[in-house]
Amino acid sequence: MVFKRSKPHIVLKSEQKAYLENIGRSGKSEKREYDRAKIILMDAEGKGVNTIARELHTNR
């Protein structure tokens, strides 16, 4: 089943993007925090919900 996106993709400022990218590189963040940061970054890149879930091996 194909779902239509009802909301626009997230738009990040450069400072916000840098902060989220830093979470993934720090190695000190919890997996939950890392996954959330990755989801936001992938959405900002224009990836769909199904693609994000598949790449992160998680549920929608």
PDB file of N, CA and C in Angstrom:
ATOM      1  N   MET A   1       0.836  -1.174   0.000  1.00  0.00           N
ATOM      2  CA  MET A   1       0.000   0.000   0.000  1.00  0.00           C
ATOM      3  C   MET A   1       0.883   1.240   0.000  1.00  0.00           C
ATOM      4  N   VAL A   2       0.580   2.182  -0.856  1.00  0.00           N
ATOM      5  CA  VAL A   2       1.360   3.406  -0.969  1.00  0.00           C
ATOM      6  C   VAL A   2       0.667   4.513  -0.186  1.00  0.00           C
ATOM      7  N   PHE A   3       1.442   5.181   0.663  1.00  0.00           N
ATOM      8  CA  PHE A   3       0.905   6.280   1.453  1.00  0.00           C
ATOM      9  C   PHE A   3       1.361   7.598   0.859  1.00  0.00           C
ATOM     10  N   LYS A   4       0.444   8.553   0.803  1.00  0.00           N
ATOM     11  CA  LYS A   4       0.809   9.888   0.343  1.00  0.00           C
ATOM     12  C   LYS A   4       1.308  10.685   1.534  1.00  0.00           C
ATOM     13  N   ARG A   5       2.309  11.485   1.303  1.00  0.00           N
ATOM     14  CA  ARG A   5       2.867  12.318   2.359  1.00  0.00           C
ATOM     15  C   ARG A   5       1.934  13.496   2.584  1.00  0.00           C
ATOM     16  N   SER A   6       1.477  13.663   3.807  1.00  0.00           N
ATOM     17  CA  SER A   6       0.546  14.739   4.112  1.00  0.00           C
ATOM     18  C   SER A   6       1.247  15.994   4.609  1.00  0.00           C
ATOM     19  N   LYS A   7       2.500  15.875   4.969  1.00  0.00           N
ATOM     20  CA  LYS A   7       3.255  17.019   5.476  1.00  0.00           C
ATOM     21  C   LYS A   7       4.498  17.226   4.619  1.00  0.00           C
ATOM     22  N   PRO A   8       4.966  18.457   4.528  1.00  0.00           N
ATOM     23  CA  PRO A   8       6.203  18.699   3.763  1.00  0.00           C
ATOM     24  C   PRO A   8       7.418  18.134   4.505  1.00  0.00           C
ATOM     25  N   HIS A   9       8.493  17.952   3.777  1.00  0.00           N
ATOM     26  CA  HIS A   9       9.729  17.478   4.394  1.00  0.00           C
ATOM     27  C   HIS A   9      10.259  18.537   5.357  1.00  0.00           C
ATOM     28  N   ILE A  10      11.032  18.094   6.300  1.00  0.00           N
ATOM     29  CA  ILE A  10      11.633  18.981   7.289  1.00  0.00           C
ATOM     30  C   ILE A  10      12.689  19.847   6.607  1.00  0.00           C
ATOM     31  N   VAL A  11      12.703  21.124   6.971  1.00  0.00           N
ATOM     32  CA  VAL A  11      13.720  22.047   6.460  1.00  0.00           C
ATOM     33  C   VAL A  11      14.612  22.430   7.639  1.00  0.00           C
ATOM     34  N   LEU A  12      15.902  22.162   7.506  1.00  0.00           N
ATOM     35  CA  LEU A  12      16.853  22.433   8.591  1.00  0.00           C
ATOM     36  C   LEU A  12      17.757  23.609   8.260  1.00  0.00           C
ATOM     37  N   LYS A  13      18.072  24.389   9.274  1.00  0.00           N
ATOM     38  CA  LYS A  13      19.098  25.426   9.136  1.00  0.00           C
ATOM     39  C   LYS A  13      20.453  24.719   9.218  1.00  0.00           C
ATOM     40  N   SER A  14      21.484  25.374   8.750  1.00  0.00           N
ATOM     41  CA  SER A  14      22.806  24.738   8.728  1.00  0.00           C
ATOM     42  C   SER A  14      23.276  24.360  10.131  1.00  0.00           C
ATOM     43  N   GLU A  15      22.945  25.184  11.136  1.00  0.00           N
ATOM     44  CA  GLU A  15      23.353  24.876  12.511  1.00  0.00           C
ATOM     45  C   GLU A  15      22.640  23.628  13.017  1.00  0.00           C
ATOM     46  N   GLN A  16      21.356  23.504  12.677  1.00  0.00           N
ATOM     47  CA  GLN A  16      20.594  22.338  13.103  1.00  0.00           C
ATOM     48  C   GLN A  16      21.126  21.073  12.445  1.00  0.00           C
ATOM     49  N   LYS A  17      21.426  21.170  11.165  1.00  0.00           N
ATOM     50  CA  LYS A  17      21.954  20.012  10.447  1.00  0.00           C
ATOM     51  C   LYS A  17      23.300  19.582  11.036  1.00  0.00           C
ATOM     52  N   ALA A  18      24.155  20.547  11.320  1.00  0.00           N
ATOM     53  CA  ALA A  18      25.462  20.241  11.903  1.00  0.00           C
ATOM     54  C   ALA A  18      25.311  19.571  13.269  1.00  0.00           C
ATOM     55  N   TYR A  19      24.372  20.050  14.072  1.00  0.00           N
ATOM     56  CA  TYR A  19      24.131  19.462  15.393  1.00  0.00           C
ATOM     57  C   TYR A  19      23.701  18.006  15.266  1.00  0.00           C
ATOM     58  N   LEU A  20      22.749  17.740  14.369  1.00  0.00           N
ATOM     59  CA  LEU A  20      22.252  16.379  14.186  1.00  0.00           C
ATOM     60  C   LEU A  20      23.330  15.458  13.622  1.00  0.00           C
ATOM     61  N   GLU A  21      24.139  15.963  12.715  1.00  0.00           N
ATOM     62  CA  GLU A  21      25.225  15.156  12.163  1.00  0.00           C
ATOM     63  C   GLU A  21      26.253  14.837  13.244  1.00  0.00           C
ATOM     64  N   ASN A  22      26.472  15.762  14.159  1.00  0.00           N
ATOM     65  CA  ASN A  22      27.427  15.566  15.237  1.00  0.00           C
ATOM     66  C   ASN A  22      26.971  14.461  16.194  1.00  0.00           C
ATOM     67  N   ILE A  23      25.674  14.329  16.373  1.00  0.00           N
ATOM     68  CA  ILE A  23      25.142  13.271  17.240  1.00  0.00           C
ATOM     69  C   ILE A  23      25.580  11.905  16.715  1.00  0.00           C
ATOM     70  N   GLY A  24      25.510  11.726  15.425  1.00  0.00           N
ATOM     71  CA  GLY A  24      25.892  10.447  14.831  1.00  0.00           C
ATOM     72  C   GLY A  24      27.379  10.169  14.897  1.00  0.00           C
ATOM     73  N   ARG A  25      28.178  11.205  14.868  1.00  0.00           N
ATOM     74  CA  ARG A  25      29.629  11.017  14.869  1.00  0.00           C
ATOM     75  C   ARG A  25      30.232  10.924  16.257  1.00  0.00           C
ATOM     76  N   SER A  26      29.507  11.402  17.265  1.00  0.00           N
ATOM     77  CA  SER A  26      30.103  11.491  18.594  1.00  0.00           C
ATOM     78  C   SER A  26      30.422  10.134  19.208  1.00  0.00           C
ATOM     79  N   GLY A  27      29.608   9.124  18.918  1.00  0.00           N
ATOM     80  CA  GLY A  27      29.843   7.806  19.493  1.00  0.00           C
ATOM     81  C   GLY A  27      29.408   7.700  20.939  1.00  0.00           C
ATOM     82  N   LYS A  28      28.962   8.807  21.532  1.00  0.00           N
ATOM     83  CA  LYS A  28      28.534   8.792  22.930  1.00  0.00           C
ATOM     84  C   LYS A  28      27.017   8.841  23.063  1.00  0.00           C
ATOM     85  N   SER A  29      26.331   9.038  21.960  1.00  0.00           N
ATOM     86  CA  SER A  29      24.876   9.152  22.040  1.00  0.00           C
ATOM     87  C   SER A  29      24.223   7.771  22.108  1.00  0.00           C
ATOM     88  N   GLU A  30      23.024   7.742  22.671  1.00  0.00           N
ATOM     89  CA  GLU A  30      22.261   6.502  22.740  1.00  0.00           C
ATOM     90  C   GLU A  30      21.769   6.148  21.343  1.00  0.00           C
ATOM     91  N   LYS A  31      21.509   4.895  21.122  1.00  0.00           N
ATOM     92  CA  LYS A  31      21.017   4.464  19.812  1.00  0.00           C
ATOM     93  C   LYS A  31      19.715   5.168  19.468  1.00  0.00           C
ATOM     94  N   ARG A  32      18.847   5.340  20.453  1.00  0.00           N
ATOM     95  CA  ARG A  32      17.569   6.012  20.224  1.00  0.00           C
ATOM     96  C   ARG A  32      17.785   7.441  19.732  1.00  0.00           C
ATOM     97  N   GLU A  33      18.716   8.155  20.357  1.00  0.00           N
ATOM     98  CA  GLU A  33      19.015   9.533  19.962  1.00  0.00           C
ATOM     99  C   GLU A  33      19.636   9.564  18.566  1.00  0.00           C
ATOM    100  N   TYR A  34      20.540   8.627  18.299  1.00  0.00           N
ATOM    101  CA  TYR A  34      21.171   8.523  16.986  1.00  0.00           C
ATOM    102  C   TYR A  34      20.122   8.257  15.910  1.00  0.00           C
ATOM    103  N   ASP A  35      19.220   7.304  16.168  1.00  0.00           N
ATOM    104  CA  ASP A  35      18.181   6.967  15.192  1.00  0.00           C
ATOM    105  C   ASP A  35      17.278   8.154  14.908  1.00  0.00           C
ATOM    106  N   ARG A  36      16.891   8.881  15.919  1.00  0.00           N
ATOM    107  CA  ARG A  36      16.025  10.048  15.726  1.00  0.00           C
ATOM    108  C   ARG A  36      16.721  11.124  14.911  1.00  0.00           C
ATOM    109  N   ALA A  37      17.986  11.353  15.205  1.00  0.00           N
ATOM    110  CA  ALA A  37      18.739  12.344  14.434  1.00  0.00           C
ATOM    111  C   ALA A  37      18.841  11.908  12.977  1.00  0.00           C
ATOM    112  N   LYS A  38      19.102  10.634  12.763  1.00  0.00           N
ATOM    113  CA  LYS A  38      19.215  10.092  11.405  1.00  0.00           C
ATOM    114  C   LYS A  38      17.890  10.213  10.652  1.00  0.00           C
ATOM    115  N   ILE A  39      16.778   9.951  11.317  1.00  0.00           N
ATOM    116  CA  ILE A  39      15.460  10.070  10.695  1.00  0.00           C
ATOM    117  C   ILE A  39      15.216  11.507  10.239  1.00  0.00           C
ATOM    118  N   ILE A  40      15.526  12.460  11.096  1.00  0.00           N
ATOM    119  CA  ILE A  40      15.323  13.869  10.746  1.00  0.00           C
ATOM    120  C   ILE A  40      16.198  14.259   9.568  1.00  0.00           C
ATOM    121  N   LEU A  41      17.465  13.844   9.590  1.00  0.00           N
ATOM    122  CA  LEU A  41      18.375  14.178   8.490  1.00  0.00           C
ATOM    123  C   LEU A  41      17.913  13.558   7.170  1.00  0.00           C
ATOM    124  N   MET A  42      17.469  12.322   7.228  1.00  0.00           N
ATOM    125  CA  MET A  42      17.020  11.645   6.005  1.00  0.00           C
ATOM    126  C   MET A  42      15.744  12.290   5.464  1.00  0.00           C
ATOM    127  N   ASP A  43      14.843  12.699   6.342  1.00  0.00           N
ATOM    128  CA  ASP A  43      13.633  13.379   5.903  1.00  0.00           C
ATOM    129  C   ASP A  43      13.985  14.716   5.255  1.00  0.00           C
ATOM    130  N   ALA A  44      14.932  15.426   5.843  1.00  0.00           N
ATOM    131  CA  ALA A  44      15.358  16.706   5.279  1.00  0.00           C
ATOM    132  C   ALA A  44      15.996  16.523   3.899  1.00  0.00           C
ATOM    133  N   GLU A  45      16.565  15.355   3.649  1.00  0.00           N
ATOM    134  CA  GLU A  45      17.141  15.051   2.330  1.00  0.00           C
ATOM    135  C   GLU A  45      16.068  14.699   1.316  1.00  0.00           C
ATOM    136  N   GLY A  46      14.822  14.554   1.780  1.00  0.00           N
ATOM    137  CA  GLY A  46      13.725  14.260   0.878  1.00  0.00           C
ATOM    138  C   GLY A  46      13.370  12.793   0.758  1.00  0.00           C
ATOM    139  N   LYS A  47      13.946  11.967   1.618  1.00  0.00           N
ATOM    140  CA  LYS A  47      13.633  10.533   1.574  1.00  0.00           C
ATOM    141  C   LYS A  47      12.271  10.284   2.196  1.00  0.00           C
ATOM    142  N   GLY A  48      11.569   9.307   1.690  1.00  0.00           N
ATOM    143  CA  GLY A  48      10.243   8.969   2.185  1.00  0.00           C
ATOM    144  C   GLY A  48      10.285   8.123   3.445  1.00  0.00           C
ATOM    145  N   VAL A  49       9.143   8.026   4.078  1.00  0.00           N
ATOM    146  CA  VAL A  49       9.024   7.288   5.333  1.00  0.00           C
ATOM    147  C   VAL A  49       9.410   5.824   5.153  1.00  0.00           C
ATOM    148  N   ASN A  50       8.929   5.210   4.094  1.00  0.00           N
ATOM    149  CA  ASN A  50       9.238   3.794   3.868  1.00  0.00           C
ATOM    150  C   ASN A  50      10.727   3.583   3.622  1.00  0.00           C
ATOM    151  N   THR A  51      11.345   4.463   2.880  1.00  0.00           N
ATOM    152  CA  THR A  51      12.778   4.368   2.605  1.00  0.00           C
ATOM    153  C   THR A  51      13.583   4.518   3.883  1.00  0.00           C
ATOM    154  N   ILE A  52      13.213   5.493   4.700  1.00  0.00           N
ATOM    155  CA  ILE A  52      13.908   5.716   5.968  1.00  0.00           C
ATOM    156  C   ILE A  52      13.784   4.481   6.858  1.00  0.00           C
ATOM    157  N   ALA A  53      12.584   3.944   6.980  1.00  0.00           N
ATOM    158  CA  ALA A  53      12.366   2.763   7.826  1.00  0.00           C
ATOM    159  C   ALA A  53      13.173   1.579   7.330  1.00  0.00           C
ATOM    160  N   ARG A  54      13.210   1.397   6.022  1.00  0.00           N
ATOM    161  CA  ARG A  54      13.946   0.270   5.446  1.00  0.00           C
ATOM    162  C   ARG A  54      15.453   0.428   5.686  1.00  0.00           C
ATOM    163  N   GLU A  55      15.985   1.627   5.464  1.00  0.00           N
ATOM    164  CA  GLU A  55      17.426   1.839   5.623  1.00  0.00           C
ATOM    165  C   GLU A  55      17.872   1.750   7.075  1.00  0.00           C
ATOM    166  N   LEU A  56      16.993   2.130   8.014  1.00  0.00           N
ATOM    167  CA  LEU A  56      17.353   2.072   9.429  1.00  0.00           C
ATOM    168  C   LEU A  56      16.896   0.765  10.094  1.00  0.00           C
ATOM    169  N   HIS A  57      16.309  -0.131   9.297  1.00  0.00           N
ATOM    170  CA  HIS A  57      15.849  -1.430   9.807  1.00  0.00           C
ATOM    171  C   HIS A  57      14.904  -1.253  10.995  1.00  0.00           C
ATOM    172  N   THR A  58      13.888  -0.431  10.787  1.00  0.00           N
ATOM    173  CA  THR A  58      12.900  -0.179  11.830  1.00  0.00           C
ATOM    174  C   THR A  58      11.504  -0.172  11.218  1.00  0.00           C
ATOM    175  N   ASN A  59      10.509  -0.065  12.054  1.00  0.00           N
ATOM    176  CA  ASN A  59       9.135   0.009  11.566  1.00  0.00           C
ATOM    177  C   ASN A  59       8.793   1.453  11.205  1.00  0.00           C
ATOM    178  N   ARG A  60       7.760   1.582  10.390  1.00  0.00           N
ATOM    179  CA  ARG A  60       7.285   2.915  10.023  1.00  0.00           C
ATOM    180  C   ARG A  60       6.831   3.594  11.237  1.00  0.00           C
TER     181      ARG A  60
END
